[in-house]
N, C-alpha and C. Protein backbone atom coordinates (compact mmCIF):
# COMPACT_ATOMS: atom_id res chain seq x y z
N MET A 1 93.96 190.00 -157.64
CA MET A 1 94.00 188.86 -156.96
C MET A 1 94.19 189.28 -154.87
N ALA A 2 93.62 191.20 -155.24
CA ALA A 2 93.67 190.99 -153.65
C ALA A 2 92.21 191.10 -153.24
N LEU A 3 91.20 191.15 -154.32
CA LEU A 3 90.12 191.14 -154.47
C LEU A 3 89.32 189.44 -153.88
N ALA A 4 90.83 188.46 -154.44
CA ALA A 4 90.17 187.02 -154.18
C ALA A 4 90.55 186.84 -153.14
N ALA A 5 91.94 187.04 -152.43
CA ALA A 5 92.05 187.06 -151.25
C ALA A 5 90.85 187.07 -150.06
N TYR A 6 90.50 189.01 -150.49
CA TYR A 6 89.30 189.21 -149.57
C TYR A 6 88.45 188.44 -148.97
N ARG A 7 87.84 188.15 -150.06
CA ARG A 7 86.87 187.25 -150.54
C ARG A 7 87.44 185.59 -149.58
N HIS A 8 88.17 185.02 -150.06
CA HIS A 8 89.03 183.63 -149.08
C HIS A 8 89.01 184.29 -147.80
N LEU A 9 89.78 185.53 -147.27
CA LEU A 9 89.28 185.37 -145.83
C LEU A 9 88.00 185.96 -145.26
N LEU A 10 87.47 185.63 -146.28
CA LEU A 10 85.40 186.40 -145.74
C LEU A 10 85.10 184.92 -145.22
N ARG A 11 85.34 184.06 -146.30
CA ARG A 11 84.83 182.82 -146.01
C ARG A 11 85.43 182.06 -145.10
N SER A 12 86.82 182.11 -145.17
CA SER A 12 87.12 180.83 -143.88
C SER A 12 86.84 181.98 -142.46
N THR A 13 86.36 183.00 -141.77
CA THR A 13 85.98 184.20 -141.23
C THR A 13 84.32 183.00 -140.91
N ARG A 14 84.12 182.22 -141.88
CA ARG A 14 82.45 182.65 -141.79
C ARG A 14 82.65 180.97 -141.58
N ILE A 15 83.55 179.92 -141.79
CA ILE A 15 84.30 178.66 -141.64
C ILE A 15 84.19 178.67 -139.93
N ALA A 16 85.29 179.24 -139.70
CA ALA A 16 85.94 179.76 -138.43
C ALA A 16 85.53 180.20 -137.44
N PHE A 17 83.84 180.43 -137.70
CA PHE A 17 83.59 181.66 -136.79
C PHE A 17 82.02 180.88 -136.77
N GLN A 18 81.48 180.04 -137.12
CA GLN A 18 79.98 180.07 -137.77
C GLN A 18 79.34 179.71 -136.41
N GLY A 19 78.23 180.18 -136.55
CA GLY A 19 77.39 180.30 -135.19
C GLY A 19 77.65 180.63 -133.84
N ASP A 20 78.85 181.53 -134.09
CA ASP A 20 79.31 182.87 -133.33
C ASP A 20 79.16 184.15 -133.59
N ALA A 21 78.39 185.28 -133.79
CA ALA A 21 78.40 186.38 -134.18
C ALA A 21 79.13 187.50 -134.35
N GLN A 22 78.89 187.15 -132.95
CA GLN A 22 79.82 188.34 -132.25
C GLN A 22 81.29 187.96 -132.64
N VAL A 23 81.86 187.07 -132.53
CA VAL A 23 83.05 187.10 -132.69
C VAL A 23 83.67 186.75 -134.55
N LEU A 24 82.80 186.36 -134.67
CA LEU A 24 82.31 186.55 -136.92
C LEU A 24 82.40 187.90 -136.76
N HIS A 25 81.75 188.74 -136.30
CA HIS A 25 81.08 190.27 -137.34
C HIS A 25 82.51 191.39 -136.98
N ALA A 26 83.44 190.65 -135.67
CA ALA A 26 84.49 191.08 -135.38
C ALA A 26 85.49 190.52 -136.51
N ALA A 27 86.00 189.54 -136.49
CA ALA A 27 86.55 189.42 -137.47
C ALA A 27 86.36 189.53 -138.76
N ARG A 28 85.04 189.59 -139.39
CA ARG A 28 84.88 190.55 -141.20
C ARG A 28 85.64 191.98 -140.40
N PHE A 29 84.85 192.64 -139.37
CA PHE A 29 85.20 194.44 -139.09
C PHE A 29 87.14 194.00 -139.43
N GLN A 30 87.70 193.51 -138.75
CA GLN A 30 88.81 193.59 -138.52
C GLN A 30 90.01 192.91 -140.09
N ALA A 31 89.44 192.44 -140.44
CA ALA A 31 89.31 192.24 -141.48
C ALA A 31 89.35 193.41 -142.85
N ARG A 32 88.62 193.59 -142.93
CA ARG A 32 87.38 194.68 -144.03
C ARG A 32 88.98 196.53 -143.57
N ASP A 33 88.85 196.50 -141.69
CA ASP A 33 89.80 197.32 -141.74
C ASP A 33 91.30 197.31 -142.63
N ALA A 34 91.64 196.33 -141.87
CA ALA A 34 93.24 195.48 -142.56
C ALA A 34 93.43 196.03 -144.10
N PHE A 35 91.95 195.65 -144.99
CA PHE A 35 91.80 196.03 -146.53
C PHE A 35 92.23 197.06 -146.72
N ARG A 36 91.59 198.28 -146.17
CA ARG A 36 91.06 199.39 -146.36
C ARG A 36 92.22 200.19 -146.52
N LYS A 37 92.91 200.27 -145.08
CA LYS A 37 93.96 200.45 -144.44
C LYS A 37 95.37 200.01 -146.52
N ASN A 38 95.00 199.36 -146.67
CA ASN A 38 96.01 198.95 -147.85
C ASN A 38 95.84 199.40 -148.98
N ALA A 39 94.23 200.14 -149.53
CA ALA A 39 93.71 200.05 -150.61
C ALA A 39 94.14 201.26 -151.35
N THR A 40 94.86 202.16 -150.90
CA THR A 40 95.51 202.63 -151.96
C THR A 40 96.70 202.12 -152.56
N MET A 41 97.15 200.73 -152.23
CA MET A 41 98.29 200.28 -153.15
C MET A 41 98.05 200.51 -154.27
N GLU A 42 99.26 200.32 -155.21
CA GLU A 42 99.22 200.79 -156.52
C GLU A 42 99.76 198.80 -157.41
N GLN A 43 99.37 199.15 -158.25
CA GLN A 43 99.32 197.52 -159.47
C GLN A 43 101.24 197.21 -158.62
N GLY A 44 101.37 197.81 -158.72
CA GLY A 44 102.90 197.69 -159.33
C GLY A 44 103.97 198.16 -157.72
N ASP A 45 102.47 198.09 -156.48
CA ASP A 45 104.13 198.39 -155.44
C ASP A 45 104.13 197.03 -154.53
N PRO A 46 105.31 197.03 -154.38
CA PRO A 46 106.28 196.65 -153.69
C PRO A 46 106.02 195.39 -153.03
N ALA A 47 104.74 196.48 -151.62
CA ALA A 47 104.02 195.85 -150.38
C ALA A 47 102.98 194.68 -150.63
N LEU A 48 102.70 195.45 -152.33
CA LEU A 48 101.16 194.82 -152.38
C LEU A 48 101.72 193.39 -152.13
N GLY A 49 102.63 192.22 -152.81
CA GLY A 49 102.70 191.26 -153.21
C GLY A 49 102.48 189.95 -151.61
N PRO A 50 103.76 190.64 -150.89
CA PRO A 50 103.17 190.37 -149.46
C PRO A 50 101.95 190.85 -148.81
N ALA A 51 101.35 191.71 -148.41
CA ALA A 51 100.36 192.06 -147.86
C ALA A 51 98.81 190.77 -148.60
N ILE A 52 98.62 190.17 -150.40
CA ILE A 52 98.28 189.84 -150.66
C ILE A 52 98.52 188.10 -150.51
N ALA A 53 99.66 188.26 -149.32
CA ALA A 53 100.24 186.77 -149.01
C ALA A 53 99.85 186.66 -147.43
N HIS A 54 100.21 187.88 -146.89
CA HIS A 54 99.26 187.48 -146.06
C HIS A 54 98.31 187.65 -145.39
N ALA A 55 97.21 187.52 -145.85
CA ALA A 55 96.33 187.74 -146.20
C ALA A 55 95.38 186.56 -146.40
N GLU A 56 95.60 185.73 -147.57
CA GLU A 56 95.87 183.86 -148.08
C GLU A 56 96.10 182.85 -146.81
N GLU A 57 97.79 183.15 -145.84
CA GLU A 57 97.79 182.84 -144.88
C GLU A 57 97.26 183.00 -143.71
N VAL A 58 96.21 184.00 -143.46
CA VAL A 58 95.27 183.81 -142.60
C VAL A 58 94.40 183.64 -143.13
N ALA A 59 93.82 183.17 -143.96
CA ALA A 59 92.63 183.20 -144.27
C ALA A 59 92.16 181.20 -144.15
N LYS A 60 94.05 181.10 -144.81
CA LYS A 60 93.98 179.65 -143.96
C LYS A 60 94.28 179.60 -143.13
N ILE A 61 95.49 179.50 -142.09
CA ILE A 61 94.85 179.57 -140.53
C ILE A 61 93.50 179.81 -140.04
N LEU A 62 92.69 180.18 -140.52
CA LEU A 62 91.51 180.33 -139.42
C LEU A 62 90.46 179.15 -140.01
N ARG A 63 90.67 178.67 -141.28
CA ARG A 63 89.94 177.80 -142.42
C ARG A 63 90.68 176.21 -141.76
N GLU A 64 91.58 176.31 -141.73
CA GLU A 64 92.23 175.11 -141.19
C GLU A 64 92.47 174.81 -139.72
N ASN A 65 93.03 175.02 -138.83
CA ASN A 65 93.11 175.45 -137.29
C ASN A 65 93.00 176.05 -136.62
N VAL A 66 91.73 177.05 -136.58
CA VAL A 66 90.73 177.22 -135.61
C VAL A 66 89.69 176.18 -134.88
N VAL A 67 89.15 176.02 -133.97
CA VAL A 67 88.25 175.30 -133.74
C VAL A 67 87.75 176.27 -132.11
N GLN A 68 86.17 175.88 -132.45
CA GLN A 68 85.35 176.67 -132.22
C GLN A 68 85.32 175.38 -130.25
N GLY A 69 85.11 175.38 -129.43
CA GLY A 69 84.35 174.87 -128.84
C GLY A 69 83.50 175.69 -127.59
N LYS A 70 82.89 174.81 -127.93
CA LYS A 70 81.14 175.22 -127.20
C LYS A 70 81.18 174.50 -125.72
N ARG A 71 80.87 174.78 -124.34
CA ARG A 71 80.70 174.68 -123.51
C ARG A 71 79.44 173.85 -123.02
N VAL A 72 79.58 172.34 -122.49
CA VAL A 72 78.63 171.84 -122.22
C VAL A 72 78.75 170.89 -120.98
N ASP A 73 77.45 171.45 -120.39
CA ASP A 73 77.11 170.41 -118.64
C ASP A 73 76.54 169.62 -118.62
N LYS A 74 77.35 167.96 -118.75
CA LYS A 74 76.57 167.47 -117.95
C LYS A 74 76.63 166.91 -117.13
N GLU A 75 75.70 166.40 -116.56
CA GLU A 75 75.71 165.59 -115.08
C GLU A 75 76.81 166.09 -113.71
N GLY A 76 76.84 167.20 -114.07
CA GLY A 76 77.42 167.89 -113.59
C GLY A 76 78.75 168.70 -113.31
N GLU A 77 78.88 168.07 -114.77
CA GLU A 77 80.80 167.74 -115.19
C GLU A 77 80.70 169.21 -116.25
N GLU A 78 81.67 169.84 -116.46
CA GLU A 78 81.83 171.30 -117.09
C GLU A 78 82.69 170.13 -117.97
N ARG A 79 82.52 170.63 -119.48
CA ARG A 79 83.06 170.01 -120.97
C ARG A 79 82.98 170.43 -122.09
N TYR A 80 84.00 170.46 -122.74
CA TYR A 80 83.93 171.37 -123.67
C TYR A 80 83.43 170.41 -125.59
N LYS A 81 82.53 170.94 -126.15
CA LYS A 81 82.68 170.09 -127.55
C LYS A 81 82.76 170.78 -128.20
N LEU A 82 83.69 170.62 -128.91
CA LEU A 82 84.15 171.30 -130.45
C LEU A 82 83.61 170.95 -131.70
N ARG A 83 84.21 171.83 -132.34
CA ARG A 83 83.38 172.10 -133.73
C ARG A 83 84.70 171.93 -134.44
N ILE A 84 84.57 170.80 -134.98
CA ILE A 84 85.87 170.28 -136.34
C ILE A 84 84.85 170.06 -137.26
N HIS A 85 85.45 170.19 -138.30
CA HIS A 85 84.64 170.43 -139.92
C HIS A 85 85.67 169.93 -140.56
N GLU A 86 85.41 169.82 -142.51
CA GLU A 86 86.08 168.88 -142.60
C GLU A 86 87.38 169.71 -142.96
N HIS A 87 87.66 170.85 -142.68
CA HIS A 87 88.74 171.49 -143.72
C HIS A 87 89.04 171.91 -142.04
N THR A 88 89.31 171.36 -141.15
CA THR A 88 90.00 171.26 -139.92
C THR A 88 91.22 170.53 -140.45
N GLU A 89 92.49 171.12 -140.23
CA GLU A 89 93.66 170.20 -140.60
C GLU A 89 94.17 168.69 -139.35
N ARG A 90 94.12 167.52 -139.43
CA ARG A 90 94.11 167.00 -138.54
C ARG A 90 95.90 166.46 -137.96
N GLY A 91 95.97 165.99 -137.44
CA GLY A 91 97.90 165.90 -137.38
C GLY A 91 97.18 164.97 -135.63
N ASP A 92 98.84 165.13 -135.16
CA ASP A 92 99.12 164.90 -133.92
C ASP A 92 100.56 164.79 -133.29
N ASN A 93 100.61 165.33 -131.93
CA ASN A 93 101.88 166.59 -132.27
C ASN A 93 103.28 166.58 -132.43
N ASN A 94 103.10 165.03 -132.60
CA ASN A 94 104.66 164.18 -133.09
C ASN A 94 104.69 164.87 -135.01
N THR A 95 104.12 164.94 -135.24
CA THR A 95 104.20 165.15 -137.34
C THR A 95 104.89 167.03 -136.72
N VAL A 96 105.50 168.17 -135.38
CA VAL A 96 105.65 169.07 -135.07
C VAL A 96 107.12 168.79 -135.10
N LYS A 97 107.56 167.93 -134.71
CA LYS A 97 109.16 167.07 -134.14
C LYS A 97 109.79 166.71 -135.94
N MET A 98 108.69 166.84 -136.38
CA MET A 98 109.45 165.53 -138.18
C MET A 98 109.96 166.65 -139.33
N PRO A 99 110.85 166.39 -139.46
CA PRO A 99 111.75 167.34 -140.36
C PRO A 99 110.49 167.93 -141.22
N ASN A 100 111.35 168.91 -142.39
CA ASN A 100 110.26 169.59 -142.99
C ASN A 100 110.27 168.32 -144.83
N GLY A 101 109.61 168.41 -145.39
CA GLY A 101 108.93 167.69 -146.59
C GLY A 101 108.79 166.16 -146.48
N GLN A 102 108.81 165.72 -144.93
CA GLN A 102 107.92 164.56 -144.56
C GLN A 102 106.26 164.73 -144.38
N THR A 103 106.07 163.67 -144.68
CA THR A 103 104.43 163.39 -144.83
C THR A 103 104.10 162.34 -143.44
N VAL A 104 103.00 162.44 -142.99
CA VAL A 104 102.36 161.54 -142.22
C VAL A 104 101.13 160.89 -142.30
N VAL A 105 101.02 160.12 -142.61
CA VAL A 105 99.38 159.19 -142.67
C VAL A 105 99.62 158.47 -141.83
N ILE A 106 97.93 159.10 -141.37
CA ILE A 106 97.56 158.54 -139.85
C ILE A 106 95.61 157.76 -140.66
N ASP A 107 95.36 156.72 -140.09
CA ASP A 107 94.61 155.95 -140.30
C ASP A 107 94.62 156.12 -142.38
N GLY A 108 95.34 155.86 -143.07
CA GLY A 108 94.98 155.82 -144.25
C GLY A 108 95.25 157.36 -144.78
N LYS A 109 95.14 158.21 -144.39
CA LYS A 109 94.63 159.43 -144.87
C LYS A 109 96.58 160.31 -144.64
N LYS A 110 96.24 161.76 -145.68
CA LYS A 110 97.28 162.23 -144.51
C LYS A 110 96.22 163.50 -144.20
N CYS A 111 97.47 164.77 -143.85
CA CYS A 111 96.88 165.51 -143.03
C CYS A 111 96.78 166.74 -144.57
N THR A 112 96.80 166.59 -146.04
CA THR A 112 96.34 167.35 -146.66
C THR A 112 95.20 166.76 -146.75
N ASP A 113 95.42 165.47 -146.95
CA ASP A 113 93.91 164.36 -148.00
C ASP A 113 92.67 165.68 -147.25
N ARG A 114 91.47 165.80 -148.85
CA ARG A 114 90.61 166.13 -148.47
C ARG A 114 89.68 165.82 -147.95
């Protein structure tokens, strides 16, 4: 399970930081370093489950909530173009105010629809 979580984390860094080699390298280095620190954990170690769950949560956040912005200067205006991909979670700020368990439908799709 740890190997699968590590792979998910690396894939998520590739999706989140595509086109930004410096940040991609730093994110992968940090993931590799964290997994090496926990490499001595045994199969029955009670801290193993939470460590794997943490890695999966980080991978999910990177994949769904991190959006890159690239500065684009047009006609003297400074603007940013966002790289939103198919894995990016979509919704609006009103969803934060909703009670847990309630789903939001925007343009006929839920935020969890892919």
